[in-house]
Amino acid sequence: MEFQILEKVLYNRDDKRRLVLRHGDKVLLPEKILHELIDLQKAVGVEKLPHPLVFRISTPSKSTYVGVKEFHAEDDTSVFLTDEIVERLSIDKSADSVQLSLELALRVSGLDDVTAASIEVRPLEKYTDVKDWKTFLESTISERYTAVTTGDVLHIDVDTREYLLRVEQVKTSNSVRTVCVVDRDIDLVVIGENEEEDTVKDMCGEKHGFVPAGHVAKVCIAVGESLEGSGMFAVGDEFVGSERFECASMGDLKVGSGTKFLYAFEDLEFDIGCDNKEDSGGSDRVRCQYCDEFVSMMSQRMHENFCQRNNIRCDECGKVFFKQVPATHWHCCEGSGDSELSLELHVKYMHLRKVDCLCGATFDSLYACSVHSGQTCPRGLHECRFCHLIVPRGNLTTESRYYGLSGHEASCGSKTIECGTCGKRVKVRDAILHEEVHRRDRSANVPYGCTNVLCPQLQSDRVNVLGLCEDCFAPLYSNVYDPDGKKLRARLERRYILMMKNGCGDKLCDNELCCTGESMVDIVNLVKKLDMKELKLCVDEKRRLKMKIVKMFENSGWSKGWIIRGLEECKFEIDKVLPWLSSNIINKG
């Protein structure tokens, strides 16, 4: 038995029992269809139903593909279509009801064998507010559409704006002109993307600059520096604009340090300088009491005489003007300015009452609404610090407020990844902190190799003054009280004398100090000059072979202790040692 259903359904334009969206391909089908699918699934022995369900709906002359928004229980035959599907099927507006054929599109739905797919779309208009079409479509297309076909015109509704895109071509590995866009990796190609001039000018590193009206400049403000401008401007993130900013010169302008974006309402000349004005004069300069500028002490009297005759200070705001206060200088509320445009902007942003944001919030002024859009609006775009996609912030939750994240970042940061060091599952937002814990653990537990240069073992956990491993220190151990270590040195010298005079008895020993053949006088003189920090004591054959492996990594830059630890962790599998050292150790020393 084939897993397929063929049904006849009725569409009635005047049937208003259930309402659907104007655009999109998600329709309402009778509940009878779902029951038939479940019965057929049991009869055929299919483990699960296709996801998502895609149907081919057709008239005698045309057909298209639709997804399912929900199954209704109004009756067993009625189907509720969106206006877009009605237009695709060219259903006559004068007809009372139209009978349609419905069948399950297995080659498009979740049971298909598509391994690769690509879609080419073309915007039908120039939408200057969309900076990245791929990110925009990734977050919106699956909300309206389940499947797209070559030649379709997609209608994407976002807030009060409608975006039209034509599907120029669909390519799939199974040669079908239609592809499901839900839960599938698709290569998206946007033809003729907006090619408008980039209005963001990178001016990081510049302390003075000019920004034309309507443009955005990227600046960097260090700690202890302040920003001043000669025109009206706003400060915000990379999406700053006339109605989205964190602060602006017509209101409470407080600019912190870091990377900032400036939006110029009018031609703007900005300066970035020392925040402490008292320190900018220097020891040989003083501040003029008439214009507040710093001048040389030698020319102070002449400068102040000139300022006293020619400069006038505004009684309200204290700003200094040459000769006279201009007629365009104004004061209102707590703001002031020097141009008619600045006054217009002040009135527009500070005195326009009851402004509604797209998220539904209402504000007393456009300025307050713009600050809300630039800082906390759930519908405002931002770049997620975890997935690095440009998406709406989302609604704040208690958890997101606690961690200082947006609603989207709180959700995205709650996903888990596997730690490459310990293999545990950790939340994305905690990954950096988790890695810091590993870094500190590694810093606190640095292994040190045995001070016997011929030994491939780590120092003993029971600390000894010689820094030897347990095997090398065992012949020298004594429980005799020895606070100054003289007796330990005497035992070490005795072992050296016997080793150099008689040898260790191993014919394959490669220790250059083993059985040297020198006279007793020369041996004693050599032992007296013994360096306690770098010993050369004979070891057994097993340790000699391991030491040869340790020497293979001497030129890698890692310390002897880390090399030995790496070999032990990798069970002396040489190919795995360097990758282990690179991924687990911080410093080579």
Protein backbone atom coordinates (compact mmCIF):
# COMPACT_ATOMS: atom_id res chain seq x y z
CA MET A 1 0.00 0.00 0.00
CA GLU A 2 1.34 3.45 -0.96
CA PHE A 3 1.53 6.19 1.64
CA GLN A 4 -0.64 8.77 -0.16
CA ILE A 5 -4.02 10.45 0.13
CA LEU A 6 -6.21 12.01 -2.57
CA GLU A 7 -9.14 14.12 -1.40
CA LYS A 8 -11.64 16.63 -2.74
CA VAL A 9 -12.13 19.80 -0.72
CA LEU A 10 -14.35 22.86 -1.15
CA TYR A 11 -13.27 26.49 -1.02
CA ASN A 12 -15.92 29.15 -0.38
CA ARG A 13 -14.75 32.76 -0.57
CA ASP A 14 -17.64 33.97 1.61
CA ASP A 15 -17.05 31.42 4.38
CA LYS A 16 -15.83 33.52 7.35
CA ARG A 17 -16.03 30.87 10.06
CA ARG A 18 -12.23 30.80 10.26
CA LEU A 19 -9.89 33.64 9.36
CA VAL A 20 -6.44 33.24 7.81
CA LEU A 21 -3.64 35.64 6.92
CA ARG A 22 -3.65 37.45 3.59
CA HIS A 23 -0.17 36.26 2.61
CA GLY A 24 1.65 32.98 2.92
CA ASP A 25 0.92 29.37 2.00
CA LYS A 26 -0.27 28.02 5.36
CA VAL A 27 -3.92 26.98 5.08
CA LEU A 28 -6.59 25.38 7.27
CA LEU A 29 -7.61 21.83 6.29
CA PRO A 30 -10.47 19.67 7.66
CA GLU A 31 -9.66 17.43 10.61
CA LYS A 32 -10.73 14.46 8.49
CA ILE A 33 -7.44 14.72 6.54
CA LEU A 34 -5.37 14.28 9.70
CA HIS A 35 -7.39 11.21 10.76
CA GLU A 36 -6.89 9.65 7.32
CA LEU A 37 -3.13 10.28 7.54
CA ILE A 38 -2.91 8.58 10.95
CA ASP A 39 -4.95 5.57 9.79
CA LEU A 40 -2.80 5.29 6.68
CA GLN A 41 0.37 5.54 8.78
CA LYS A 42 -0.75 2.53 10.86
CA ALA A 43 -1.80 0.54 7.80
CA VAL A 44 1.44 1.11 5.88
CA GLY A 45 3.67 0.81 8.95
CA VAL A 46 5.33 4.18 8.62
CA GLU A 47 7.12 5.10 11.84
CA LYS A 48 6.17 8.79 11.81
CA LEU A 49 4.33 11.31 9.65
CA PRO A 50 6.26 13.65 7.36
CA HIS A 51 7.36 16.92 8.97
CA PRO A 52 6.32 19.42 7.91
CA LEU A 53 3.27 18.30 5.94
CA VAL A 54 3.22 19.73 2.41
CA PHE A 55 0.19 19.26 0.13
CA ARG A 56 -0.34 19.85 -3.56
CA ILE A 57 -3.67 21.64 -4.05
CA SER A 58 -5.02 22.13 -7.56
CA THR A 59 -7.86 23.22 -9.80
CA PRO A 60 -8.43 21.63 -13.23
CA SER A 61 -5.97 24.15 -14.73
CA LYS A 62 -3.51 25.20 -12.00
CA SER A 63 -1.82 23.86 -8.90
CA THR A 64 0.42 25.02 -6.08
CA TYR A 65 1.95 23.72 -2.85
CA VAL A 66 0.68 24.62 0.62
CA GLY A 67 1.55 23.93 4.23
CA VAL A 68 -0.82 23.38 7.13
CA LYS A 69 -1.44 26.03 9.76
CA GLU A 70 -3.93 23.80 11.59
CA PHE A 71 -6.70 21.25 11.07
CA HIS A 72 -10.21 22.59 11.77
CA ALA A 73 -13.32 20.77 12.97
CA GLU A 74 -15.93 22.97 11.25
CA ASP A 75 -16.82 20.24 8.73
CA ASP A 76 -15.19 17.48 6.63
CA THR A 77 -14.78 19.29 3.31
CA SER A 78 -14.08 23.02 3.74
CA VAL A 79 -10.60 24.47 3.21
CA PHE A 80 -9.64 28.01 4.21
CA LEU A 81 -7.04 29.57 1.88
CA THR A 82 -4.95 32.72 2.06
CA ASP A 83 -5.49 35.40 -0.58
CA GLU A 84 -2.08 34.58 -2.04
CA ILE A 85 -3.02 30.92 -2.67
CA VAL A 86 -6.34 31.98 -4.16
CA GLU A 87 -4.46 34.23 -6.57
CA ARG A 88 -2.01 31.47 -7.52
CA LEU A 89 -4.88 29.12 -8.34
CA SER A 90 -6.70 31.88 -10.31
CA ILE A 91 -10.00 31.09 -8.59
CA ASP A 92 -12.90 33.03 -10.10
CA LYS A 93 -14.13 35.75 -7.74
CA SER A 94 -17.71 35.30 -8.92
CA ALA A 95 -17.86 31.59 -8.06
CA ASP A 96 -19.72 30.69 -4.89
CA SER A 97 -17.58 27.64 -4.16
CA VAL A 98 -14.81 25.78 -5.97
CA GLN A 99 -13.88 22.13 -5.66
CA LEU A 100 -10.13 21.52 -5.26
CA SER A 101 -7.98 18.40 -5.39
CA LEU A 102 -5.64 17.72 -2.48
CA GLU A 103 -2.77 15.25 -2.35
CA LEU A 104 0.25 14.76 -0.10
CA ALA A 105 3.47 16.06 -1.76
CA LEU A 106 5.93 13.43 -0.57
CA ARG A 107 8.81 14.66 -2.73
CA VAL A 108 8.58 18.08 -1.06
CA SER A 109 7.54 17.21 2.51
CA GLY A 110 9.62 15.77 5.31
CA LEU A 111 9.91 12.29 3.76
CA ASP A 112 11.75 13.48 0.65
CA ASP A 113 15.34 12.58 -0.17
CA VAL A 114 16.64 16.09 -0.82
CA THR A 115 20.29 16.32 0.25
CA ALA A 116 21.03 19.78 -1.18
CA ALA A 117 18.87 22.74 -2.20
CA SER A 118 19.33 26.35 -3.27
CA ILE A 119 16.94 29.24 -3.85
CA GLU A 120 17.53 32.37 -5.91
CA VAL A 121 15.27 35.32 -5.03
CA ARG A 122 15.10 38.88 -6.33
CA PRO A 123 13.63 41.84 -4.39
CA LEU A 124 11.00 43.54 -6.56
CA GLU A 125 11.71 46.96 -5.00
CA LYS A 126 14.61 48.74 -3.36
CA TYR A 127 14.24 48.28 0.39
CA THR A 128 16.86 50.49 2.01
CA ASP A 129 15.98 49.36 5.54
CA VAL A 130 17.13 45.78 4.89
CA LYS A 131 20.91 45.59 5.24
CA ASP A 132 21.30 41.81 5.13
CA TRP A 133 18.71 39.90 3.07
CA LYS A 134 19.95 36.45 4.05
CA THR A 135 19.59 37.17 7.76
CA PHE A 136 16.25 38.89 7.17
CA LEU A 137 14.78 35.96 5.22
CA GLU A 138 16.22 33.37 7.59
CA SER A 139 14.21 34.85 10.45
CA THR A 140 10.97 35.58 8.54
CA ILE A 141 10.33 33.28 5.57
CA SER A 142 9.47 30.12 7.53
CA GLU A 143 6.84 32.03 9.55
CA ARG A 144 4.75 32.59 6.39
CA TYR A 145 5.77 29.81 4.00
CA THR A 146 6.28 26.07 4.14
CA ALA A 147 7.43 25.51 0.55
CA VAL A 148 8.49 27.77 -2.33
CA THR A 149 8.36 27.11 -6.06
CA THR A 150 10.17 28.69 -8.99
CA GLY A 151 8.15 31.73 -10.11
CA ASP A 152 6.41 32.40 -6.77
CA VAL A 153 6.19 35.96 -5.45
CA LEU A 154 6.80 35.98 -1.71
CA HIS A 155 5.04 38.54 0.48
CA ILE A 156 6.90 39.12 3.77
CA ASP A 157 4.97 41.29 6.25
CA VAL A 158 7.02 42.83 9.06
CA ASP A 159 5.16 45.27 11.28
CA THR A 160 3.50 47.70 8.84
CA ARG A 161 5.94 47.10 5.96
CA GLU A 162 5.49 44.58 3.11
CA TYR A 163 8.47 43.14 1.21
CA LEU A 164 8.01 41.50 -2.21
CA LEU A 165 10.52 38.98 -3.60
CA ARG A 166 10.31 36.81 -6.70
CA VAL A 167 11.66 33.25 -6.59
CA GLU A 168 13.79 33.15 -9.74
CA GLN A 169 14.98 29.57 -9.43
CA VAL A 170 14.81 26.56 -7.11
CA LYS A 171 17.43 23.82 -7.42
CA THR A 172 17.19 20.54 -5.53
CA SER A 173 19.10 17.26 -5.57
CA ASN A 174 15.93 15.40 -6.65
CA SER A 175 15.24 17.85 -9.57
CA VAL A 176 11.97 19.19 -8.12
CA ARG A 177 11.13 22.89 -8.71
CA THR A 178 9.70 23.16 -5.19
CA VAL A 179 11.55 22.93 -1.88
CA CYS A 180 10.42 22.88 1.75
CA VAL A 181 11.90 25.81 3.72
CA VAL A 182 11.11 24.56 7.24
CA ASP A 183 13.90 22.83 9.19
CA ARG A 184 16.18 22.54 6.17
CA ASP A 185 19.62 23.89 5.28
CA ILE A 186 19.24 25.89 2.06
CA ASP A 187 21.77 27.89 0.08
CA LEU A 188 20.08 31.27 -0.41
CA VAL A 189 21.17 33.57 -3.23
CA VAL A 190 19.75 37.11 -3.36
CA ILE A 191 20.01 38.65 -6.83
CA GLY A 192 20.44 42.42 -7.05
CA GLU A 193 20.85 43.07 -3.33
CA ASN A 194 20.70 46.68 -2.23
CA GLU A 195 23.84 48.33 -3.51
CA GLU A 196 23.33 51.70 -1.94
CA GLU A 197 26.39 53.59 -0.78
CA ASP A 198 27.55 52.56 2.66
CA THR A 199 26.72 55.47 4.93
CA VAL A 200 28.81 54.14 7.85
CA LYS A 201 32.25 55.73 7.88
CA ASP A 202 34.91 54.05 9.99
CA MET A 203 36.73 56.83 11.88
CA CYS A 204 38.15 54.81 14.77
CA GLY A 205 41.48 56.28 15.84
CA GLU A 206 40.58 59.81 14.71
CA LYS A 207 40.15 62.48 17.38
CA HIS A 208 38.61 65.05 15.03
CA GLY A 209 36.31 64.48 12.09
CA PHE A 210 33.41 65.56 9.91
CA VAL A 211 30.19 63.58 9.34
CA PRO A 212 27.70 64.75 6.63
CA ALA A 213 24.04 65.07 7.55
CA GLY A 214 22.19 61.74 7.44
CA HIS A 215 25.37 59.67 7.65
CA VAL A 216 26.80 57.45 10.41
CA ALA A 217 30.38 57.43 11.69
CA LYS A 218 32.07 54.75 13.79
CA VAL A 219 34.36 56.20 16.47
CA CYS A 220 36.34 54.81 19.41
CA ILE A 221 36.32 56.62 22.75
CA ALA A 222 38.91 55.58 25.33
CA VAL A 223 38.39 55.63 29.09
CA GLY A 224 38.79 59.18 30.36
CA GLU A 225 37.85 60.78 27.01
CA SER A 226 34.71 62.74 26.11
CA LEU A 227 32.89 63.45 22.84
CA GLU A 228 31.83 66.92 21.73
CA GLY A 229 30.16 68.01 18.47
CA SER A 230 29.28 71.25 16.73
CA GLY A 231 26.00 69.95 15.29
CA MET A 232 23.00 67.91 16.38
CA PHE A 233 23.83 64.20 16.57
CA ALA A 234 22.78 60.92 18.19
CA VAL A 235 24.84 58.08 19.63
CA GLY A 236 23.93 54.38 19.51
CA ASP A 237 24.85 50.97 18.13
CA GLU A 238 25.44 49.99 14.50
CA PHE A 239 21.72 50.45 13.75
CA VAL A 240 21.61 54.04 15.03
CA GLY A 241 19.30 56.36 13.11
CA SER A 242 16.96 59.33 13.39
CA GLU A 243 14.45 57.35 15.46
CA ARG A 244 16.74 54.83 17.14
CA PHE A 245 19.56 55.87 19.45
CA GLU A 246 20.81 55.56 23.02
CA CYS A 247 21.20 59.31 23.60
CA ALA A 248 21.23 62.50 21.50
CA SER A 249 22.36 66.10 21.78
CA MET A 250 18.78 67.40 21.99
CA GLY A 251 18.36 65.46 25.27
CA ASP A 252 20.54 63.97 27.98
CA LEU A 253 23.81 63.28 26.14
CA LYS A 254 25.92 60.82 28.14
CA VAL A 255 28.46 59.01 25.99
CA GLY A 256 30.54 56.27 27.64
CA SER A 257 33.79 54.74 26.48
CA GLY A 258 34.12 52.07 23.79
CA THR A 259 33.11 51.78 20.14
CA LYS A 260 30.23 54.14 19.31
CA PHE A 261 28.22 55.04 16.21
CA LEU A 262 27.30 58.69 15.57
CA TYR A 263 24.28 59.70 13.50
CA ALA A 264 24.41 63.29 12.21
CA PHE A 265 21.09 65.17 11.99
CA GLU A 266 23.06 68.02 10.38
CA ASP A 267 26.65 68.44 9.21
CA LEU A 268 28.69 67.46 12.25
CA GLU A 269 32.22 68.25 13.34
CA PHE A 270 33.21 66.22 16.38
CA ASP A 271 36.16 66.22 18.78
CA ILE A 272 37.30 63.47 21.13
CA GLY A 273 39.49 64.75 23.94
CA CYS A 274 40.40 64.51 27.60
CA ASP A 275 37.39 64.33 29.87
CA ASN A 276 39.14 66.25 32.66
CA LYS A 277 39.29 69.78 31.33
CA GLU A 278 41.37 71.00 34.26
CA ASP A 279 44.28 68.76 33.20
CA SER A 280 44.28 69.80 29.54
CA GLY A 281 45.99 73.12 30.18
CA GLY A 282 49.34 71.95 31.47
CA SER A 283 51.51 73.53 34.17
CA ASP A 284 52.43 76.61 32.08
CA ARG A 285 48.90 77.34 30.85
CA VAL A 286 45.89 78.91 32.58
CA ARG A 287 42.18 79.12 31.80
CA CYS A 288 40.78 82.38 30.46
CA GLN A 289 37.95 83.60 32.69
CA TYR A 290 36.03 85.03 29.71
CA CYS A 291 36.14 82.24 27.08
CA ASP A 292 37.24 79.23 29.19
CA GLU A 293 40.09 78.46 26.79
CA PHE A 294 43.58 77.54 28.03
CA VAL A 295 46.28 80.07 27.11
CA SER A 296 49.93 80.59 27.94
CA MET A 297 50.64 82.38 31.21
CA MET A 298 52.82 84.88 29.34
CA SER A 299 49.97 85.94 27.02
CA GLN A 300 47.18 85.67 29.58
CA ARG A 301 46.72 89.42 30.15
CA MET A 302 46.62 90.28 26.44
CA HIS A 303 44.24 87.40 25.68
CA GLU A 304 41.85 88.28 28.50
CA ASN A 305 41.79 91.92 27.47
CA PHE A 306 40.77 90.89 23.95
CA CYS A 307 38.08 88.50 25.26
CA GLN A 308 36.70 91.11 27.63
CA ARG A 309 36.20 93.58 24.75
CA ASN A 310 34.91 91.15 22.07
CA ASN A 311 33.33 88.04 23.63
CA ILE A 312 29.86 87.86 25.13
CA ARG A 313 28.65 85.05 27.38
CA CYS A 314 25.00 83.90 27.26
CA ASP A 315 23.40 84.55 30.64
CA GLU A 316 21.31 81.35 30.51
CA CYS A 317 23.61 78.63 29.21
CA GLY A 318 27.03 80.28 29.65
CA LYS A 319 28.11 79.74 26.03
CA VAL A 320 30.58 82.31 24.68
CA PHE A 321 29.92 84.15 21.40
CA PHE A 322 31.96 86.69 19.43
CA LYS A 323 30.61 90.26 19.62
CA GLN A 324 26.96 89.32 20.16
CA VAL A 325 24.59 86.45 20.84
CA PRO A 326 23.16 85.33 17.44
CA ALA A 327 19.44 85.63 16.81
CA THR A 328 19.23 81.86 16.13
CA HIS A 329 20.49 81.00 19.62
CA TRP A 330 17.63 79.52 21.65
CA HIS A 331 16.75 77.95 25.01
CA CYS A 332 13.89 75.59 25.78
CA CYS A 333 13.40 73.32 28.78
CA GLU A 334 16.90 72.19 29.63
CA GLY A 335 18.14 72.33 26.02
CA SER A 336 19.77 75.01 23.88
CA GLY A 337 21.11 75.43 20.37
CA ASP A 338 22.37 77.81 17.73
CA SER A 339 20.33 77.00 14.60
CA GLU A 340 16.75 76.81 13.43
CA LEU A 341 17.22 73.11 12.61
CA SER A 342 18.32 72.34 16.16
CA LEU A 343 15.20 74.10 17.48
CA GLU A 344 12.97 72.14 15.10
CA LEU A 345 14.59 68.88 16.21
CA HIS A 346 14.17 69.82 19.86
CA VAL A 347 10.46 70.56 19.41
CA LYS A 348 9.97 67.40 17.34
CA TYR A 349 11.72 65.05 19.75
CA MET A 350 10.97 66.60 23.14
CA HIS A 351 7.45 68.08 22.77
CA LEU A 352 5.60 65.66 20.47
CA ARG A 353 3.23 63.85 22.80
CA LYS A 354 2.01 60.25 22.89
CA VAL A 355 4.26 58.37 20.50
CA ASP A 356 3.53 54.67 19.88
CA CYS A 357 6.39 52.21 19.36
CA LEU A 358 6.05 49.19 17.06
CA CYS A 359 6.18 46.94 20.11
CA GLY A 360 2.98 48.52 21.48
CA ALA A 361 4.53 50.74 24.16
CA THR A 362 3.45 54.41 24.37
CA PHE A 363 5.78 57.29 25.26
CA ASP A 364 5.33 60.97 26.06
CA SER A 365 7.92 62.11 23.50
CA LEU A 366 9.65 60.94 20.34
CA TYR A 367 12.97 61.21 22.15
CA ALA A 368 11.88 58.71 24.82
CA CYS A 369 10.53 56.37 22.13
CA SER A 370 13.81 56.59 20.16
CA VAL A 371 15.87 55.81 23.25
CA HIS A 372 13.57 52.85 23.94
CA SER A 373 14.09 51.63 20.35
CA GLY A 374 17.85 51.96 20.71
CA GLN A 375 18.13 50.20 24.06
CA THR A 376 15.34 47.80 25.02
CA CYS A 377 12.61 47.55 22.34
CA PRO A 378 11.78 43.84 21.79
CA ARG A 379 11.42 44.43 18.05
CA GLY A 380 14.68 46.35 17.70
CA LEU A 381 17.39 44.56 15.73
CA HIS A 382 20.70 43.66 17.33
CA GLU A 383 23.55 41.24 16.72
CA CYS A 384 23.34 38.26 19.03
CA ARG A 385 26.63 37.75 20.87
CA PHE A 386 26.22 33.96 20.65
CA CYS A 387 24.85 33.11 17.17
CA HIS A 388 26.05 36.43 15.62
CA LEU A 389 22.85 36.79 13.62
CA ILE A 390 21.04 40.13 13.32
CA VAL A 391 17.68 39.42 14.96
CA PRO A 392 15.09 41.25 17.11
CA ARG A 393 15.99 41.54 20.80
CA GLY A 394 12.89 39.75 22.04
CA ASN A 395 11.04 40.28 25.30
CA LEU A 396 13.07 40.57 28.49
CA THR A 397 12.70 37.94 31.17
CA THR A 398 13.91 37.73 34.77
CA GLU A 399 16.76 35.52 33.62
CA SER A 400 17.82 37.85 30.78
CA ARG A 401 17.80 40.86 33.11
CA TYR A 402 19.94 38.99 35.64
CA TYR A 403 22.58 38.08 33.03
CA GLY A 404 22.37 41.43 31.20
CA LEU A 405 21.15 39.80 27.97
CA SER A 406 18.39 40.50 25.50
CA GLY A 407 15.42 38.14 25.28
CA HIS A 408 16.87 36.43 22.21
CA GLU A 409 20.34 36.14 23.74
CA ALA A 410 18.90 34.58 26.91
CA SER A 411 17.21 31.91 24.76
CA CYS A 412 20.19 31.46 22.43
CA GLY A 413 22.67 31.38 25.34
CA SER A 414 20.67 28.63 27.08
CA LYS A 415 21.56 26.15 24.34
CA THR A 416 24.29 23.71 25.27
CA ILE A 417 27.58 22.79 23.64
CA GLU A 418 30.16 20.16 24.50
CA CYS A 419 33.30 21.35 26.24
CA GLY A 420 36.31 20.34 24.17
CA THR A 421 38.40 19.84 27.32
CA CYS A 422 36.26 17.81 29.71
CA GLY A 423 33.41 16.70 27.41
CA LYS A 424 30.67 18.08 29.66
CA ARG A 425 27.60 19.86 28.25
CA VAL A 426 27.63 23.56 29.23
CA LYS A 427 25.38 26.46 28.31
CA VAL A 428 26.70 28.71 25.55
CA ARG A 429 26.56 31.77 27.80
CA ASP A 430 28.68 29.95 30.42
CA ALA A 431 31.25 28.56 27.95
CA ILE A 432 33.82 31.33 28.49
CA LEU A 433 33.54 31.07 32.28
CA HIS A 434 33.76 27.28 32.06
CA GLU A 435 36.94 27.51 29.98
CA GLU A 436 38.38 29.99 32.49
CA VAL A 437 37.89 27.37 35.21
CA HIS A 438 39.91 24.89 33.15
CA ARG A 439 42.61 27.51 32.54
CA ARG A 440 42.96 28.21 36.25
CA ASP A 441 43.01 24.52 37.07
CA ARG A 442 45.82 24.02 34.58
CA SER A 443 47.71 27.01 35.96
CA ALA A 444 47.38 25.71 39.52
CA ASN A 445 48.51 22.16 38.64
CA VAL A 446 51.61 22.61 36.52
CA PRO A 447 53.53 19.29 36.39
CA TYR A 448 57.29 19.27 36.89
CA GLY A 449 59.56 16.59 35.55
CA CYS A 450 62.02 14.71 37.71
CA THR A 451 65.28 16.69 38.17
CA ASN A 452 67.13 13.55 37.10
CA VAL A 453 67.60 14.45 33.42
CA LEU A 454 67.62 10.75 32.48
CA CYS A 455 64.29 9.97 34.14
CA PRO A 456 60.95 10.27 32.20
CA GLN A 457 58.74 10.57 35.30
CA LEU A 458 57.07 13.43 37.16
CA GLN A 459 58.20 14.68 40.53
CA SER A 460 56.87 12.84 43.53
CA ASP A 461 53.67 14.05 45.17
CA ARG A 462 55.61 13.76 48.42
CA VAL A 463 57.80 16.80 47.92
CA ASN A 464 61.55 16.29 48.41
CA VAL A 465 64.23 18.97 48.31
CA LEU A 466 65.92 17.36 45.30
CA GLY A 467 62.76 17.38 43.12
CA LEU A 468 63.16 13.69 42.24
CA CYS A 469 60.46 11.16 41.43
CA GLU A 470 59.72 8.35 43.85
CA ASP A 471 61.89 5.79 42.01
CA CYS A 472 64.93 8.07 41.92
CA PHE A 473 64.58 9.29 45.49
CA ALA A 474 63.89 5.90 47.09
CA PRO A 475 67.61 4.84 47.38
CA LEU A 476 68.40 8.20 49.02
CA TYR A 477 65.58 8.17 51.57
CA SER A 478 66.34 8.10 55.30
CA ASN A 479 64.26 8.91 58.36
CA VAL A 480 67.23 10.44 60.17
CA TYR A 481 66.67 14.02 61.34
CA ASP A 482 68.44 16.27 58.80
CA PRO A 483 67.24 19.91 59.00
CA ASP A 484 70.07 21.42 56.89
CA GLY A 485 70.22 18.60 54.29
CA LYS A 486 73.91 17.80 54.87
CA LYS A 487 73.28 14.12 55.44
CA LEU A 488 71.12 13.91 52.29
CA ARG A 489 73.93 15.49 50.25
CA ALA A 490 76.42 13.04 51.76
CA ARG A 491 74.22 10.09 50.69
CA LEU A 492 73.87 11.57 47.19
CA GLU A 493 77.64 12.06 46.87
CA ARG A 494 78.24 8.48 48.04
CA ARG A 495 75.85 7.20 45.36
CA TYR A 496 77.62 9.25 42.70
CA ILE A 497 81.05 7.94 43.76
CA LEU A 498 79.88 4.31 43.61
CA MET A 499 78.12 4.89 40.26
CA MET A 500 81.16 6.55 38.68
CA LYS A 501 83.64 4.03 40.13
CA ASN A 502 81.80 0.70 39.77
CA GLY A 503 78.85 1.54 37.44
CA CYS A 504 75.21 0.46 37.77
CA GLY A 505 75.67 -3.04 36.36
CA ASP A 506 73.60 -2.43 33.20
CA LYS A 507 75.71 -2.86 30.08
CA LEU A 508 73.22 -0.83 27.99
CA CYS A 509 73.27 2.19 30.36
CA ASP A 510 73.86 5.42 28.39
CA ASN A 511 74.68 7.63 31.41
CA GLU A 512 77.99 9.37 30.69
CA LEU A 513 78.78 9.41 34.44
CA CYS A 514 78.32 5.67 34.84
CA CYS A 515 81.65 3.80 35.31
CA THR A 516 83.82 6.65 33.99
CA GLY A 517 87.10 4.83 34.67
CA GLU A 518 88.67 7.88 36.30
CA SER A 519 90.80 7.82 39.46
CA MET A 520 89.19 8.14 42.86
CA VAL A 521 90.77 11.58 43.35
CA ASP A 522 89.22 12.89 40.13
CA ILE A 523 85.85 11.35 41.00
CA VAL A 524 85.81 12.95 44.45
CA ASN A 525 86.73 16.37 43.02
CA LEU A 526 83.97 16.07 40.42
CA VAL A 527 81.36 15.03 42.99
CA LYS A 528 82.20 18.04 45.19
CA LYS A 529 81.18 20.30 42.30
CA LEU A 530 77.88 18.45 41.92
CA ASP A 531 74.86 20.55 40.76
CA MET A 532 71.90 19.57 42.93
CA LYS A 533 69.40 21.08 40.45
CA GLU A 534 70.31 18.84 37.47
CA LEU A 535 71.21 15.31 38.42
CA LYS A 536 72.30 12.41 36.22
CA LEU A 537 71.44 9.15 37.94
CA CYS A 538 71.24 5.80 36.19
CA VAL A 539 67.77 4.42 35.41
CA ASP A 540 66.43 1.03 34.35
CA GLU A 541 65.80 -0.06 30.76
CA LYS A 542 62.04 0.68 30.86
CA ARG A 543 62.62 4.29 31.85
CA ARG A 544 65.41 4.68 29.28
CA LEU A 545 63.04 3.69 26.50
CA LYS A 546 60.39 6.16 27.74
CA MET A 547 63.01 8.88 27.97
CA LYS A 548 63.83 8.42 24.28
CA ILE A 549 60.18 9.16 23.50
CA VAL A 550 60.26 12.27 25.74
CA LYS A 551 63.35 13.53 23.87
CA MET A 552 61.42 13.32 20.59
CA PHE A 553 59.37 16.30 21.79
CA GLU A 554 62.22 18.38 23.26
CA ASN A 555 62.21 20.78 20.29
CA SER A 556 58.43 21.32 20.41
CA GLY A 557 58.79 24.07 23.01
CA TRP A 558 56.90 22.31 25.81
CA SER A 559 58.48 21.75 29.20
CA LYS A 560 59.58 18.29 30.30
CA GLY A 561 56.74 18.10 32.84
CA TRP A 562 54.01 18.83 30.29
CA ILE A 563 55.50 16.37 27.76
CA ILE A 564 55.49 13.59 30.37
CA ARG A 565 51.92 14.48 31.42
CA GLY A 566 50.82 14.43 27.77
CA LEU A 567 52.41 11.03 27.16
CA GLU A 568 50.73 9.61 30.25
CA GLU A 569 47.31 11.01 29.26
CA CYS A 570 47.68 9.66 25.70
CA LYS A 571 49.08 6.32 26.94
CA PHE A 572 52.31 6.95 25.00
CA GLU A 573 50.49 7.13 21.61
CA ILE A 574 52.89 9.55 19.96
CA ASP A 575 50.46 10.89 17.32
CA LYS A 576 48.05 12.13 19.99
CA VAL A 577 50.53 13.94 22.24
CA LEU A 578 50.98 17.27 20.39
CA PRO A 579 47.22 17.75 19.76
CA TRP A 580 46.59 17.05 23.46
CA LEU A 581 49.23 19.59 24.51
CA SER A 582 47.86 22.24 22.13
CA SER A 583 44.26 21.87 23.34
CA ASN A 584 44.88 21.41 27.07
CA ILE A 585 47.89 23.53 27.99
CA ILE A 586 48.01 27.33 28.18
CA ASN A 587 51.71 28.18 28.13
CA LYS A 588 54.54 26.07 26.78
CA GLY A 589 56.83 26.90 29.68
